[in-house]
Amino acid sequence: MQETYITLEEAARFEGVEYEAIKKRVQRNPTRYKTRTEAREGGGKELVLLSTASLSQKGRRAYRAQIRAMAEPEEAGKTAPWYVEADLNSYIEQHKRAYYEAVELARRVQDFLDYTGPDRTGYAERLAVGLGVSPQTLYRYTQSVQEAGVWARRLEAENTGAAEQRNTASDRHGAASAQKRI
């Protein structure tokens, strides 16, 4: 199986850390991280790429989630589920027990989604029995958790894009006002 390499910027995002943090981790412990370098198109310093196998479990999970989200057709799930527009704090206040039970269920379902060991079907059956549901219901739960992840990534991308646009506009305004002063 061919290894997949990603940039340090992507690795940092998947790991949930700053770029400098992942760069320092690789520099401090080069035997733990499998890297390779590529020349940049415009020249300059070589681009350092990190093997996805070198990511932590959290990082690999985030990477796989992005790959799954990219593989989904854009038309699917255009209508937002009820929880996307809901006020989270109000919901938690009104349905505290149900909310925390759902969070725990989502964690266990995510563990199932991340399972890479042998006999996945047997693992699904044991987990379903442990949750008190049928295997078919467990698979429906996995679809719901994946859909929620897709919506979370969409909202995050929209929020990040809007923030970047505001920053760009702010930078342009700052540059224009600085030019007026000169």
N, C-alpha and C. Protein backbone atom coordinates (compact mmCIF):
# COMPACT_ATOMS: atom_id res chain seq x y z
N MET A 1 0.84 -1.18 0.00
CA MET A 1 0.00 0.00 0.00
C MET A 1 0.88 1.24 0.00
N GLN A 2 0.58 2.17 -0.88
CA GLN A 2 1.38 3.38 -1.00
C GLN A 2 1.05 4.34 0.15
N GLU A 3 2.11 4.94 0.71
CA GLU A 3 1.92 5.89 1.80
C GLU A 3 1.42 7.21 1.26
N THR A 4 0.65 7.89 2.10
CA THR A 4 0.14 9.20 1.74
C THR A 4 0.89 10.24 2.56
N TYR A 5 1.31 11.30 1.91
CA TYR A 5 2.03 12.38 2.57
C TYR A 5 1.21 13.66 2.48
N ILE A 6 1.25 14.44 3.55
CA ILE A 6 0.55 15.71 3.60
C ILE A 6 1.52 16.79 4.06
N THR A 7 1.17 18.03 3.83
CA THR A 7 2.05 19.12 4.25
C THR A 7 2.01 19.26 5.78
N LEU A 8 2.99 19.93 6.32
CA LEU A 8 3.01 20.16 7.76
C LEU A 8 1.83 21.03 8.19
N GLU A 9 1.40 21.95 7.33
CA GLU A 9 0.24 22.78 7.65
C GLU A 9 -1.01 21.92 7.83
N GLU A 10 -1.21 20.96 6.90
CA GLU A 10 -2.36 20.06 7.01
C GLU A 10 -2.23 19.18 8.24
N ALA A 11 -1.03 18.67 8.49
CA ALA A 11 -0.81 17.82 9.66
C ALA A 11 -1.14 18.58 10.94
N ALA A 12 -0.73 19.83 11.01
CA ALA A 12 -1.01 20.65 12.19
C ALA A 12 -2.52 20.81 12.37
N ARG A 13 -3.23 21.04 11.28
CA ARG A 13 -4.70 21.19 11.38
C ARG A 13 -5.34 19.90 11.86
N PHE A 14 -4.90 18.76 11.33
CA PHE A 14 -5.48 17.48 11.74
C PHE A 14 -5.16 17.17 13.20
N GLU A 15 -3.98 17.54 13.65
CA GLU A 15 -3.57 17.30 15.03
C GLU A 15 -4.17 18.31 16.00
N GLY A 16 -4.67 19.41 15.47
CA GLY A 16 -5.27 20.44 16.32
C GLY A 16 -4.22 21.29 17.02
N VAL A 17 -3.07 21.49 16.38
CA VAL A 17 -1.99 22.29 16.96
C VAL A 17 -1.54 23.33 15.93
N GLU A 18 -0.71 24.25 16.38
CA GLU A 18 -0.15 25.25 15.48
C GLU A 18 0.92 24.62 14.58
N TYR A 19 1.17 25.27 13.46
CA TYR A 19 2.18 24.81 12.51
C TYR A 19 3.54 24.67 13.19
N GLU A 20 3.91 25.68 13.97
CA GLU A 20 5.22 25.67 14.64
C GLU A 20 5.35 24.48 15.59
N ALA A 21 4.25 24.10 16.23
CA ALA A 21 4.29 22.97 17.17
C ALA A 21 4.61 21.67 16.44
N ILE A 22 3.93 21.42 15.32
CA ILE A 22 4.19 20.17 14.59
C ILE A 22 5.59 20.20 13.99
N LYS A 23 6.02 21.37 13.52
CA LYS A 23 7.37 21.49 12.96
C LYS A 23 8.42 21.15 14.01
N LYS A 24 8.24 21.66 15.22
CA LYS A 24 9.19 21.38 16.30
C LYS A 24 9.15 19.91 16.72
N ARG A 25 7.97 19.30 16.72
CA ARG A 25 7.87 17.88 17.05
C ARG A 25 8.70 17.05 16.08
N VAL A 26 8.57 17.36 14.80
CA VAL A 26 9.31 16.61 13.78
C VAL A 26 10.81 16.85 13.93
N GLN A 27 11.20 18.07 14.22
CA GLN A 27 12.62 18.39 14.38
C GLN A 27 13.21 17.71 15.62
N ARG A 28 12.45 17.67 16.70
CA ARG A 28 12.96 17.09 17.96
C ARG A 28 13.03 15.57 17.92
N ASN A 29 12.14 14.94 17.19
CA ASN A 29 12.08 13.49 17.18
C ASN A 29 11.92 12.98 15.75
N PRO A 30 12.96 13.12 14.93
CA PRO A 30 12.82 12.76 13.51
C PRO A 30 12.60 11.26 13.27
N THR A 31 12.97 10.41 14.22
CA THR A 31 12.76 8.97 14.01
C THR A 31 11.29 8.58 14.18
N ARG A 32 10.53 9.37 14.90
CA ARG A 32 9.11 9.08 15.13
C ARG A 32 8.25 9.46 13.93
N TYR A 33 8.72 10.42 13.14
CA TYR A 33 7.94 10.95 12.03
C TYR A 33 8.60 10.60 10.71
N LYS A 34 7.82 10.04 9.80
CA LYS A 34 8.34 9.73 8.47
C LYS A 34 8.04 10.92 7.57
N THR A 35 9.10 11.51 7.05
CA THR A 35 8.94 12.70 6.21
C THR A 35 9.65 12.51 4.88
N ARG A 36 9.32 13.39 3.96
CA ARG A 36 10.05 13.50 2.71
C ARG A 36 9.95 14.95 2.27
N THR A 37 10.81 15.34 1.38
CA THR A 37 10.80 16.73 0.91
C THR A 37 10.56 16.75 -0.59
N GLU A 38 9.96 17.84 -1.04
CA GLU A 38 9.72 18.06 -2.47
C GLU A 38 10.12 19.48 -2.79
N ALA A 39 10.60 19.67 -3.97
CA ALA A 39 10.94 21.02 -4.43
C ALA A 39 9.64 21.78 -4.69
N ARG A 40 9.64 23.05 -4.34
CA ARG A 40 8.47 23.90 -4.62
C ARG A 40 8.48 24.31 -6.08
N GLU A 41 7.30 24.56 -6.61
CA GLU A 41 7.20 24.95 -8.02
C GLU A 41 7.92 26.25 -8.31
N GLY A 42 7.78 27.22 -7.42
CA GLY A 42 8.38 28.52 -7.65
C GLY A 42 9.81 28.61 -7.14
N GLY A 43 10.37 27.51 -6.71
CA GLY A 43 11.71 27.51 -6.14
C GLY A 43 11.65 27.81 -4.66
N GLY A 44 12.76 28.08 -4.05
CA GLY A 44 12.81 28.37 -2.63
C GLY A 44 13.04 27.13 -1.80
N LYS A 45 12.75 27.26 -0.52
CA LYS A 45 12.98 26.17 0.42
C LYS A 45 12.10 24.97 0.09
N GLU A 46 12.64 23.77 0.28
CA GLU A 46 11.89 22.56 -0.03
C GLU A 46 10.68 22.42 0.89
N LEU A 47 9.64 21.82 0.35
CA LEU A 47 8.41 21.57 1.09
C LEU A 47 8.56 20.26 1.86
N VAL A 48 8.32 20.29 3.17
CA VAL A 48 8.41 19.10 3.99
C VAL A 48 7.03 18.45 4.06
N LEU A 49 6.97 17.17 3.73
CA LEU A 49 5.73 16.41 3.77
C LEU A 49 5.83 15.35 4.85
N LEU A 50 4.72 15.09 5.52
CA LEU A 50 4.67 14.14 6.62
C LEU A 50 3.74 12.99 6.25
N SER A 51 4.17 11.78 6.52
CA SER A 51 3.35 10.60 6.26
C SER A 51 2.14 10.62 7.18
N THR A 52 0.96 10.28 6.65
CA THR A 52 -0.24 10.23 7.49
C THR A 52 -0.12 9.13 8.54
N ALA A 53 0.72 8.14 8.29
CA ALA A 53 0.94 7.08 9.28
C ALA A 53 1.67 7.62 10.51
N SER A 54 2.33 8.76 10.38
CA SER A 54 3.05 9.36 11.51
C SER A 54 2.14 10.20 12.40
N LEU A 55 0.91 10.45 11.97
CA LEU A 55 -0.02 11.24 12.77
C LEU A 55 -0.47 10.45 14.00
N SER A 56 -0.91 11.17 15.02
CA SER A 56 -1.49 10.52 16.19
C SER A 56 -2.83 9.92 15.79
N GLN A 57 -3.43 9.17 16.70
CA GLN A 57 -4.74 8.58 16.41
C GLN A 57 -5.75 9.69 16.10
N LYS A 58 -5.71 10.76 16.88
CA LYS A 58 -6.61 11.89 16.65
C LYS A 58 -6.39 12.48 15.26
N GLY A 59 -5.14 12.65 14.87
CA GLY A 59 -4.81 13.21 13.57
C GLY A 59 -5.24 12.31 12.43
N ARG A 60 -5.02 11.01 12.58
CA ARG A 60 -5.44 10.07 11.53
C ARG A 60 -6.96 10.06 11.41
N ARG A 61 -7.66 10.14 12.55
CA ARG A 61 -9.12 10.18 12.54
C ARG A 61 -9.61 11.41 11.78
N ALA A 62 -9.01 12.57 12.06
CA ALA A 62 -9.40 13.80 11.37
C ALA A 62 -9.09 13.71 9.88
N TYR A 63 -7.95 13.11 9.54
CA TYR A 63 -7.57 12.95 8.14
C TYR A 63 -8.59 12.06 7.42
N ARG A 64 -8.93 10.92 8.02
CA ARG A 64 -9.91 10.01 7.40
C ARG A 64 -11.27 10.68 7.27
N ALA A 65 -11.66 11.49 8.26
CA ALA A 65 -12.94 12.19 8.19
C ALA A 65 -12.95 13.16 7.02
N GLN A 66 -11.84 13.84 6.78
CA GLN A 66 -11.79 14.77 5.65
C GLN A 66 -11.86 14.00 4.34
N ILE A 67 -11.18 12.88 4.26
CA ILE A 67 -11.21 12.07 3.04
C ILE A 67 -12.64 11.60 2.77
N ARG A 68 -13.32 11.14 3.82
CA ARG A 68 -14.72 10.71 3.65
C ARG A 68 -15.59 11.88 3.20
N ALA A 69 -15.40 13.03 3.81
CA ALA A 69 -16.21 14.20 3.46
C ALA A 69 -15.97 14.62 2.02
N MET A 70 -14.73 14.52 1.57
CA MET A 70 -14.41 14.90 0.19
C MET A 70 -15.02 13.92 -0.80
N ALA A 71 -15.20 12.67 -0.38
CA ALA A 71 -15.74 11.65 -1.27
C ALA A 71 -17.26 11.74 -1.39
N GLU A 72 -17.90 12.47 -0.48
CA GLU A 72 -19.35 12.59 -0.51
C GLU A 72 -19.78 13.55 -1.60
N PRO A 73 -20.88 13.22 -2.26
CA PRO A 73 -21.36 14.13 -3.29
C PRO A 73 -21.83 15.45 -2.67
N GLU A 74 -21.63 16.54 -3.37
CA GLU A 74 -21.99 17.87 -2.87
C GLU A 74 -23.50 18.02 -2.70
N GLU A 75 -24.28 17.34 -3.54
CA GLU A 75 -25.73 17.50 -3.49
C GLU A 75 -26.33 16.87 -2.23
N ALA A 76 -25.66 15.87 -1.67
CA ALA A 76 -26.21 15.16 -0.51
C ALA A 76 -26.24 16.08 0.70
N GLY A 77 -27.33 16.03 1.41
CA GLY A 77 -27.42 16.74 2.68
C GLY A 77 -27.48 18.25 2.55
N LYS A 78 -28.19 18.77 1.53
CA LYS A 78 -28.29 20.22 1.37
C LYS A 78 -29.11 20.84 2.50
N THR A 79 -30.15 20.14 2.96
CA THR A 79 -30.99 20.67 4.02
C THR A 79 -30.32 20.36 5.36
N ALA A 80 -30.11 21.40 6.12
CA ALA A 80 -29.42 21.24 7.41
C ALA A 80 -30.32 20.51 8.41
N PRO A 81 -29.76 19.59 9.18
CA PRO A 81 -30.53 18.93 10.24
C PRO A 81 -30.92 19.96 11.31
N TRP A 82 -31.88 19.59 12.14
CA TRP A 82 -32.42 20.52 13.14
C TRP A 82 -31.36 21.07 14.07
N TYR A 83 -30.35 20.25 14.40
CA TYR A 83 -29.37 20.66 15.41
C TYR A 83 -28.36 21.69 14.92
N VAL A 84 -28.30 21.91 13.62
CA VAL A 84 -27.35 22.89 13.09
C VAL A 84 -27.76 24.30 13.49
N GLU A 85 -29.04 24.59 13.46
CA GLU A 85 -29.54 25.92 13.80
C GLU A 85 -29.97 26.05 15.26
N ALA A 86 -29.98 24.95 16.00
CA ALA A 86 -30.45 24.98 17.39
C ALA A 86 -29.46 25.71 18.29
N ASP A 87 -29.99 26.32 19.34
CA ASP A 87 -29.16 26.97 20.35
C ASP A 87 -28.66 25.87 21.30
N LEU A 88 -27.37 25.58 21.23
CA LEU A 88 -26.80 24.47 21.99
C LEU A 88 -27.00 24.63 23.49
N ASN A 89 -26.70 25.80 24.01
CA ASN A 89 -26.83 26.01 25.46
C ASN A 89 -28.26 25.82 25.93
N SER A 90 -29.20 26.32 25.17
CA SER A 90 -30.61 26.17 25.53
C SER A 90 -31.01 24.69 25.48
N TYR A 91 -30.55 24.00 24.45
CA TYR A 91 -30.88 22.57 24.33
C TYR A 91 -30.31 21.79 25.51
N ILE A 92 -29.05 22.06 25.86
CA ILE A 92 -28.43 21.36 26.98
C ILE A 92 -29.19 21.65 28.27
N GLU A 93 -29.58 22.88 28.46
CA GLU A 93 -30.31 23.26 29.66
C GLU A 93 -31.63 22.52 29.77
N GLN A 94 -32.33 22.37 28.66
CA GLN A 94 -33.65 21.72 28.67
C GLN A 94 -33.57 20.20 28.63
N HIS A 95 -32.50 19.65 28.06
CA HIS A 95 -32.39 18.20 27.87
C HIS A 95 -31.02 17.70 28.31
N LYS A 96 -30.63 18.05 29.50
CA LYS A 96 -29.27 17.76 29.97
C LYS A 96 -28.93 16.28 29.89
N ARG A 97 -29.76 15.44 30.44
CA ARG A 97 -29.45 14.00 30.48
C ARG A 97 -29.39 13.41 29.06
N ALA A 98 -30.38 13.74 28.24
CA ALA A 98 -30.40 13.22 26.87
C ALA A 98 -29.18 13.69 26.09
N TYR A 99 -28.78 14.94 26.31
CA TYR A 99 -27.61 15.48 25.61
C TYR A 99 -26.36 14.70 25.97
N TYR A 100 -26.12 14.49 27.25
CA TYR A 100 -24.89 13.80 27.65
C TYR A 100 -24.92 12.32 27.27
N GLU A 101 -26.10 11.71 27.25
CA GLU A 101 -26.21 10.34 26.76
C GLU A 101 -25.88 10.28 25.27
N ALA A 102 -26.34 11.27 24.52
CA ALA A 102 -26.06 11.32 23.08
C ALA A 102 -24.57 11.55 22.82
N VAL A 103 -23.94 12.39 23.65
CA VAL A 103 -22.51 12.63 23.49
C VAL A 103 -21.73 11.33 23.72
N GLU A 104 -22.10 10.59 24.75
CA GLU A 104 -21.43 9.32 25.04
C GLU A 104 -21.68 8.31 23.92
N LEU A 105 -22.91 8.25 23.41
CA LEU A 105 -23.23 7.35 22.31
C LEU A 105 -22.41 7.73 21.07
N ALA A 106 -22.31 9.02 20.77
CA ALA A 106 -21.54 9.47 19.61
C ALA A 106 -20.06 9.10 19.77
N ARG A 107 -19.55 9.19 21.00
CA ARG A 107 -18.15 8.80 21.24
C ARG A 107 -17.95 7.32 20.96
N ARG A 108 -18.87 6.49 21.41
CA ARG A 108 -18.74 5.05 21.18
C ARG A 108 -18.90 4.70 19.70
N VAL A 109 -19.80 5.39 19.03
CA VAL A 109 -19.98 5.16 17.58
C VAL A 109 -18.73 5.61 16.83
N GLN A 110 -18.13 6.73 17.24
CA GLN A 110 -16.90 7.19 16.60
C GLN A 110 -15.77 6.18 16.82
N ASP A 111 -15.72 5.58 18.00
CA ASP A 111 -14.73 4.53 18.25
C ASP A 111 -14.93 3.37 17.27
N PHE A 112 -16.20 3.03 17.01
CA PHE A 112 -16.50 1.97 16.05
C PHE A 112 -16.04 2.39 14.65
N LEU A 113 -16.31 3.64 14.27
CA LEU A 113 -15.89 4.12 12.94
C LEU A 113 -14.38 4.07 12.79
N ASP A 114 -13.65 4.30 13.88
CA ASP A 114 -12.19 4.31 13.85
C ASP A 114 -11.58 2.92 13.99
N TYR A 115 -12.39 1.92 14.28
CA TYR A 115 -11.89 0.56 14.50
C TYR A 115 -11.27 0.02 13.23
N THR A 116 -10.03 -0.43 13.33
CA THR A 116 -9.34 -0.98 12.16
C THR A 116 -8.87 -2.41 12.40
N GLY A 117 -9.30 -2.99 13.50
CA GLY A 117 -8.86 -4.34 13.84
C GLY A 117 -9.57 -5.40 13.04
N PRO A 118 -9.28 -6.66 13.37
CA PRO A 118 -9.91 -7.78 12.65
C PRO A 118 -11.37 -7.94 13.05
N ASP A 119 -12.15 -8.61 12.22
CA ASP A 119 -13.54 -8.96 12.49
C ASP A 119 -14.38 -7.75 12.88
N ARG A 120 -14.46 -6.80 11.97
CA ARG A 120 -15.24 -5.59 12.21
C ARG A 120 -16.72 -5.91 12.43
N THR A 121 -17.22 -6.91 11.71
CA THR A 121 -18.63 -7.29 11.86
C THR A 121 -18.89 -7.81 13.27
N GLY A 122 -17.98 -8.66 13.76
CA GLY A 122 -18.12 -9.16 15.13
C GLY A 122 -18.05 -8.04 16.15
N TYR A 123 -17.15 -7.10 15.91
CA TYR A 123 -17.03 -5.94 16.80
C TYR A 123 -18.32 -5.13 16.78
N ALA A 124 -18.92 -4.96 15.59
CA ALA A 124 -20.17 -4.22 15.48
C ALA A 124 -21.29 -4.93 16.25
N GLU A 125 -21.34 -6.24 16.14
CA GLU A 125 -22.38 -6.99 16.84
C GLU A 125 -22.21 -6.89 18.36
N ARG A 126 -20.96 -7.00 18.83
CA ARG A 126 -20.71 -6.88 20.28
C ARG A 126 -21.04 -5.48 20.78
N LEU A 127 -20.67 -4.47 20.02
CA LEU A 127 -20.95 -3.10 20.41
C LEU A 127 -22.45 -2.84 20.42
N ALA A 128 -23.16 -3.35 19.41
CA ALA A 128 -24.61 -3.17 19.35
C ALA A 128 -25.29 -3.81 20.56
N VAL A 129 -24.87 -5.00 20.92
CA VAL A 129 -25.43 -5.66 22.11
C VAL A 129 -25.13 -4.83 23.36
N GLY A 130 -23.91 -4.33 23.45
CA GLY A 130 -23.53 -3.49 24.60
C GLY A 130 -24.35 -2.21 24.68
N LEU A 131 -24.75 -1.68 23.54
CA LEU A 131 -25.57 -0.47 23.51
C LEU A 131 -27.06 -0.77 23.63
N GLY A 132 -27.42 -2.05 23.50
CA GLY A 132 -28.83 -2.44 23.59
C GLY A 132 -29.61 -2.13 22.33
N VAL A 133 -28.93 -2.20 21.16
CA VAL A 133 -29.58 -1.93 19.89
C VAL A 133 -29.21 -3.03 18.90
N SER A 134 -29.87 -3.04 17.77
CA SER A 134 -29.54 -4.01 16.73
C SER A 134 -28.34 -3.50 15.93
N PRO A 135 -27.64 -4.39 15.23
CA PRO A 135 -26.53 -3.94 14.38
C PRO A 135 -26.99 -2.93 13.32
N GLN A 136 -28.23 -3.11 12.80
CA GLN A 136 -28.74 -2.16 11.81
C GLN A 136 -28.88 -0.76 12.42
N THR A 137 -29.34 -0.69 13.66
CA THR A 137 -29.46 0.60 14.34
C THR A 137 -28.08 1.20 14.56
N LEU A 138 -27.11 0.37 14.92
CA LEU A 138 -25.74 0.86 15.09
C LEU A 138 -25.25 1.49 13.78
N TYR A 139 -25.52 0.85 12.65
CA TYR A 139 -25.09 1.40 11.37
C TYR A 139 -25.83 2.71 11.05
N ARG A 140 -27.10 2.80 11.45
CA ARG A 140 -27.82 4.08 11.28
C ARG A 140 -27.17 5.16 12.14
N TYR A 141 -26.76 4.78 13.35
CA TYR A 141 -26.06 5.73 14.22
C TYR A 141 -24.77 6.21 13.56
N THR A 142 -24.05 5.28 12.92
CA THR A 142 -22.78 5.68 12.27
C THR A 142 -23.05 6.69 11.16
N GLN A 143 -24.13 6.49 10.41
CA GLN A 143 -24.48 7.45 9.36
C GLN A 143 -24.80 8.81 9.96
N SER A 144 -25.51 8.83 11.09
CA SER A 144 -25.85 10.10 11.73
C SER A 144 -24.61 10.82 12.25
N VAL A 145 -23.68 10.07 12.84
CA VAL A 145 -22.45 10.68 13.35
C VAL A 145 -21.61 11.21 12.19
N GLN A 146 -21.53 10.47 11.11
CA GLN A 146 -20.78 10.95 9.95
C GLN A 146 -21.43 12.19 9.35
N GLU A 147 -22.75 12.21 9.28
CA GLU A 147 -23.46 13.38 8.76
C GLU A 147 -23.20 14.59 9.65
N ALA A 148 -23.23 14.39 10.96
CA ALA A 148 -22.95 15.49 11.88
C ALA A 148 -21.53 16.01 11.68
N GLY A 149 -20.59 15.11 11.45
CA GLY A 149 -19.21 15.51 11.19
C GLY A 149 -19.09 16.33 9.92
N VAL A 150 -19.82 15.94 8.89
CA VAL A 150 -19.80 16.68 7.63
C VAL A 150 -20.35 18.09 7.86
N TRP A 151 -21.46 18.19 8.59
CA TRP A 151 -22.03 19.51 8.86
C TRP A 151 -21.09 20.36 9.72
N ALA A 152 -20.42 19.74 10.67
CA ALA A 152 -19.47 20.48 11.51
C ALA A 152 -18.33 21.03 10.66
N ARG A 153 -17.81 20.21 9.74
CA ARG A 153 -16.72 20.67 8.87
C ARG A 153 -17.19 21.76 7.92
N ARG A 154 -18.44 21.63 7.41
CA ARG A 154 -18.98 22.67 6.53
C ARG A 154 -19.09 24.00 7.27
N LEU A 155 -19.64 23.97 8.47
CA LEU A 155 -19.80 25.19 9.25
C LEU A 155 -18.45 25.78 9.62
N GLU A 156 -17.50 24.92 9.96
CA GLU A 156 -16.15 25.40 10.29
C GLU A 156 -15.50 26.06 9.07
N ALA A 157 -15.67 25.43 7.91
CA ALA A 157 -15.10 26.01 6.69
C ALA A 157 -15.76 27.35 6.37
N GLU A 158 -17.08 27.43 6.55
CA GLU A 158 -17.77 28.69 6.30
C GLU A 158 -17.30 29.76 7.28
N ASN A 159 -17.17 29.41 8.55
CA ASN A 159 -16.71 30.37 9.55
C ASN A 159 -15.28 30.80 9.30
N THR A 160 -14.42 29.85 8.92
CA THR A 160 -13.03 30.17 8.63
C THR A 160 -12.95 31.05 7.41
N GLY A 161 -13.72 30.73 6.37
CA GLY A 161 -13.72 31.54 5.15
C GLY A 161 -14.21 32.95 5.43
N ALA A 162 -15.26 33.09 6.23
CA ALA A 162 -15.78 34.42 6.56
C ALA A 162 -14.76 35.21 7.37
N ALA A 163 -14.08 34.55 8.30
CA ALA A 163 -13.08 35.23 9.11
C ALA A 163 -11.90 35.66 8.25
N GLU A 164 -11.50 34.81 7.30
CA GLU A 164 -10.39 35.17 6.41
C GLU A 164 -10.77 36.34 5.52
N GLN A 165 -12.04 36.37 5.06
CA GLN A 165 -12.48 37.50 4.25
C GLN A 165 -12.46 38.79 5.06
N ARG A 166 -12.92 38.72 6.32
CA ARG A 166 -12.89 39.90 7.18
C ARG A 166 -11.46 40.36 7.41
N ASN A 167 -10.54 39.40 7.65
CA ASN A 167 -9.14 39.75 7.87
C ASN A 167 -8.53 40.37 6.62
N THR A 168 -8.86 39.83 5.45
CA THR A 168 -8.33 40.37 4.20
C THR A 168 -8.84 41.78 3.99
N ALA A 169 -10.15 41.98 4.22
CA ALA A 169 -10.72 43.32 4.07
C ALA A 169 -10.09 44.28 5.07
N SER A 170 -9.89 43.80 6.29
CA SER A 170 -9.26 44.62 7.32
C SER A 170 -7.83 44.97 6.94
N ASP A 171 -7.10 43.99 6.39
CA ASP A 171 -5.73 44.23 5.96
C ASP A 171 -5.69 45.26 4.83
N ARG A 172 -6.63 45.13 3.90
CA ARG A 172 -6.68 46.10 2.80
C ARG A 172 -7.00 47.49 3.32
N HIS A 173 -7.95 47.58 4.26
CA HIS A 173 -8.31 48.88 4.84
C HIS A 173 -7.12 49.45 5.60
N GLY A 174 -6.42 48.60 6.35
CA GLY A 174 -5.24 49.06 7.09
C GLY A 174 -4.14 49.52 6.16
N ALA A 175 -3.94 48.80 5.07
CA ALA A 175 -2.92 49.18 4.10
C ALA A 175 -3.28 50.50 3.42
N ALA A 176 -4.59 50.65 3.10
CA ALA A 176 -5.03 51.89 2.45
C ALA A 176 -4.85 53.09 3.38
N SER A 177 -5.21 52.91 4.66
CA SER A 177 -5.07 54.03 5.59
C SER A 177 -3.58 54.33 5.87
N ALA A 178 -2.75 53.30 5.84
CA ALA A 178 -1.31 53.52 6.02
C ALA A 178 -0.73 54.27 4.84
N GLN A 179 -1.23 53.96 3.62
CA GLN A 179 -0.75 54.69 2.45
C GLN A 179 -1.16 56.15 2.49
N LYS A 180 -2.35 56.44 3.05
CA LYS A 180 -2.81 57.82 3.16
C LYS A 180 -1.89 58.61 4.09
N ARG A 181 -1.42 57.94 5.16
CA ARG A 181 -0.56 58.62 6.12
C ARG A 181 0.81 58.94 5.54
N ILE A 182 1.27 58.14 4.57
CA ILE A 182 2.60 58.33 3.98
C ILE A 182 2.53 59.40 2.98
